[in-house]
Protein backbone atom coordinates (compact mmCIF):
# COMPACT_ATOMS: atom_id res chain seq x y z
CA LEU A 1 6.79 -5.95 -10.97
CA LYS A 2 5.56 -4.36 -14.21
CA THR A 3 1.98 -4.65 -13.00
CA LEU A 4 2.79 -3.00 -9.67
CA ILE A 5 4.67 -0.17 -11.38
CA GLY A 6 1.54 0.44 -13.46
CA VAL A 7 -0.57 0.35 -10.29
CA ILE A 8 1.70 2.95 -8.67
CA ARG A 9 1.28 5.28 -11.66
CA GLN A 10 -2.51 4.98 -11.45
CA LEU A 11 -2.49 5.54 -7.68
CA GLU A 12 -0.25 8.59 -7.98
CA PHE A 13 -2.82 10.16 -10.28
CA ARG A 14 -5.82 9.03 -8.23
CA HIS A 15 -4.49 10.12 -4.83
CA ASP A 16 -2.42 13.09 -6.01
CA CYS A 17 0.70 11.79 -4.29
CA GLY A 18 4.05 10.30 -5.19
CA TYR A 19 5.80 7.06 -4.23
CA GLY A 20 9.48 7.03 -3.32
CA SER A 21 11.83 4.65 -5.11
CA GLU A 22 12.21 2.44 -2.00
CA VAL A 23 8.48 1.96 -1.47
CA LEU A 24 7.78 -0.82 -3.97
CA PRO A 25 10.75 -3.04 -2.97
CA GLN A 26 9.81 -2.63 0.72
CA VAL A 27 6.15 -3.45 0.12
CA ILE A 28 7.09 -6.52 -1.92
CA GLU A 29 9.54 -7.75 0.72
CA LEU A 30 7.14 -7.34 3.64
CA GLN A 31 4.22 -8.88 1.79
CA ARG A 32 6.29 -11.80 0.50
CA ARG A 33 7.78 -12.46 3.93
CA TYR A 34 4.81 -12.03 6.25
CA GLU A 35 1.52 -12.06 4.32
CA ARG A 36 0.71 -15.64 3.36
CA THR A 37 -3.05 -15.39 2.90
CA ALA A 38 -3.14 -13.45 -0.39
CA SER A 39 -1.23 -13.51 -3.66
CA PHE A 40 0.74 -11.03 -5.74
CA PRO A 41 0.22 -8.53 -7.22
CA GLY A 42 -3.10 -7.98 -5.44
CA LYS A 43 -1.80 -8.00 -1.89
CA ALA A 44 0.88 -5.42 -2.71
CA ALA A 45 -1.59 -3.27 -4.66
CA VAL A 46 -3.90 -3.11 -1.64
CA VAL A 47 -1.04 -1.84 0.54
CA LEU A 48 0.02 0.71 -2.09
CA ASP A 49 -3.55 1.98 -2.35
CA ARG A 50 -3.85 2.28 1.44
CA LEU A 51 -0.60 4.26 1.55
CA GLY A 52 -1.86 6.52 -1.22
CA VAL A 53 -5.10 7.19 0.61
CA ARG A 54 -3.16 8.21 3.71
CA ALA A 55 -0.89 10.48 1.67
CA SER A 56 -3.73 12.01 -0.30
CA PRO A 57 -4.23 15.72 0.30
CA ASN A 58 -7.43 17.05 1.77
CA PRO A 59 -10.13 16.37 -0.86
CA ALA A 60 -12.09 19.44 0.23
CA ARG A 61 -9.48 21.89 -1.08
CA LEU A 62 -9.64 23.13 -4.63
CA GLU A 63 -7.02 21.49 -6.83
CA ASP A 64 -6.17 24.54 -8.91
CA LEU A 65 -5.68 26.79 -5.86
CA SER A 66 -3.20 24.50 -4.13
CA PHE A 67 0.49 25.20 -4.42
CA GLU A 68 1.55 22.58 -1.90
CA PRO A 69 3.99 19.93 -3.13
CA LYS A 70 2.65 16.43 -3.45
CA LYS A 71 3.08 14.16 -0.46
CA VAL A 72 5.61 11.44 -1.26
CA VAL A 73 5.06 8.05 0.32
CA SER A 74 8.35 6.87 1.82
CA ARG A 75 9.88 3.60 2.95
CA ASP A 76 9.18 4.65 6.56
CA ASP A 77 5.50 5.10 5.70
CA VAL A 78 5.46 1.49 4.46
CA LEU A 79 7.05 0.25 7.69
CA PHE A 80 4.68 2.25 9.91
CA ASP A 81 1.68 1.00 7.94
CA PHE A 82 2.82 -2.61 8.19
CA GLN A 83 3.58 -2.22 11.89
CA SER A 84 0.11 -0.81 12.53
CA HIS A 85 -1.52 -3.75 10.73
CA THR A 86 0.59 -6.56 12.18
CA GLY A 87 1.76 -5.27 15.54
CA LEU A 88 5.36 -6.29 14.81
CA SER A 89 7.86 -3.81 16.20
CA LEU A 90 9.64 -1.42 13.86
CA ARG A 91 13.03 -2.44 15.19
CA PHE A 92 12.26 -6.00 14.09
CA LEU A 93 10.82 -5.05 10.69
CA ASP A 94 13.35 -2.42 9.65
CA ASP A 95 16.53 -3.96 8.25
CA ARG A 96 18.34 -0.66 8.88
CA THR A 97 17.87 -1.13 12.62
CA ARG A 98 20.41 -3.29 14.40
CA LEU A 99 19.00 -5.84 16.82
CA THR A 100 21.55 -8.12 18.47
CA ARG A 101 21.04 -11.38 20.30
CA GLU A 102 22.39 -9.71 23.45
CA THR A 103 19.75 -6.97 23.25
CA ILE A 104 17.01 -9.56 22.83
CA LEU A 105 18.35 -11.59 25.77
CA GLU A 106 18.58 -8.52 28.00
CA GLU A 107 14.97 -7.56 27.39
CA LEU A 108 13.54 -11.06 27.73
CA VAL A 109 15.54 -11.85 30.88
CA LYS A 110 14.08 -8.74 32.53
CA LEU A 111 10.59 -10.16 31.98
CA VAL A 112 11.20 -13.86 32.63
CA ILE A 113 13.21 -14.97 35.65
CA GLY A 114 14.84 -18.37 36.02
CA GLN A 115 14.32 -19.70 32.49
CA ARG A 116 17.63 -18.80 30.90
CA GLU A 117 17.75 -21.80 28.52
CA ALA A 118 14.26 -21.12 27.14
CA VAL A 119 15.00 -17.40 26.79
CA GLU A 120 18.22 -18.17 24.91
CA ALA A 121 16.35 -20.48 22.52
CA LEU A 122 13.81 -17.74 21.81
CA ALA A 123 16.56 -15.16 21.36
CA ASP A 124 18.24 -17.43 18.80
CA VAL A 125 15.02 -17.76 16.81
CA ILE A 126 14.32 -14.02 16.88
CA THR A 127 17.92 -13.26 15.86
CA ILE A 128 17.71 -15.63 12.90
CA ALA A 129 14.37 -14.19 11.82
CA LYS A 130 15.66 -10.61 12.13
CA ALA A 131 18.71 -11.51 10.02
CA ARG A 132 16.28 -13.02 7.46
CA ILE A 133 18.27 -16.23 7.17
CA ASN A 134 15.40 -18.52 8.10
CA ASP A 135 13.43 -20.49 5.52
CA GLN A 136 10.69 -18.05 4.46
CA GLY A 137 8.35 -20.87 3.51
CA ARG A 138 8.30 -22.30 7.01
CA PRO A 139 7.40 -21.04 10.48
CA TRP A 140 10.22 -19.52 12.51
CA ALA A 141 9.94 -22.26 15.12
CA SER A 142 7.54 -24.27 17.22
CA PHE A 143 7.93 -24.11 20.97
CA LEU A 144 6.40 -26.41 23.53
CA PHE A 145 6.80 -24.95 27.00
CA LEU A 146 6.52 -27.67 29.62
CA GLY A 147 6.68 -27.61 33.38
CA PRO A 148 4.63 -27.32 36.52
CA THR A 149 2.44 -24.37 37.35
CA GLY A 150 4.29 -21.15 38.10
CA VAL A 151 7.60 -21.71 36.31
CA GLY A 152 7.03 -19.01 33.67
CA LYS A 153 5.61 -20.74 30.58
CA THR A 154 2.89 -18.18 30.00
CA GLU A 155 5.13 -15.32 31.06
CA LEU A 156 7.73 -16.33 28.47
CA ALA A 157 5.09 -16.45 25.72
CA LYS A 158 3.79 -13.01 26.77
CA ALA A 159 7.33 -11.57 26.93
CA THR A 160 8.08 -12.84 23.42
CA ALA A 161 4.87 -11.36 22.05
CA LYS A 162 5.57 -8.06 23.79
CA PHE A 163 9.12 -7.95 22.43
CA LEU A 164 8.04 -8.67 18.87
């Protein structure tokens, strides 16, 4: 945490921007939860730098002639950046957004007909993951869709990917 606070101070100077107070906790949470291929603090520093680059003012303008306030990177900027890199929906990523099991069921049932039990199992997994009560060190679930051709195995996988 101390290292990342130092990184933020350096990036604020380098990119002529500011970082909101909710940015660092959000970056840490998303990176800890979803990014398993890199380690801290490096993986969080990369995200913070990318956010700073996006918030950086036009480098062509003269610094001393600018009276514009600095761009402040917000929690929403973190979520949009993460969504653009992972493809996960904002309503799934943002803990301020309510996503109920019934909503998940409604959307999946529209896309997959006749597989209510499988859709309910997927809705349960997504609900648990959204509530962040699953074991973070393990996959959400493993599904093995079985059945003859044409019953909706592929369609259910596509619907789940589209929903998430």
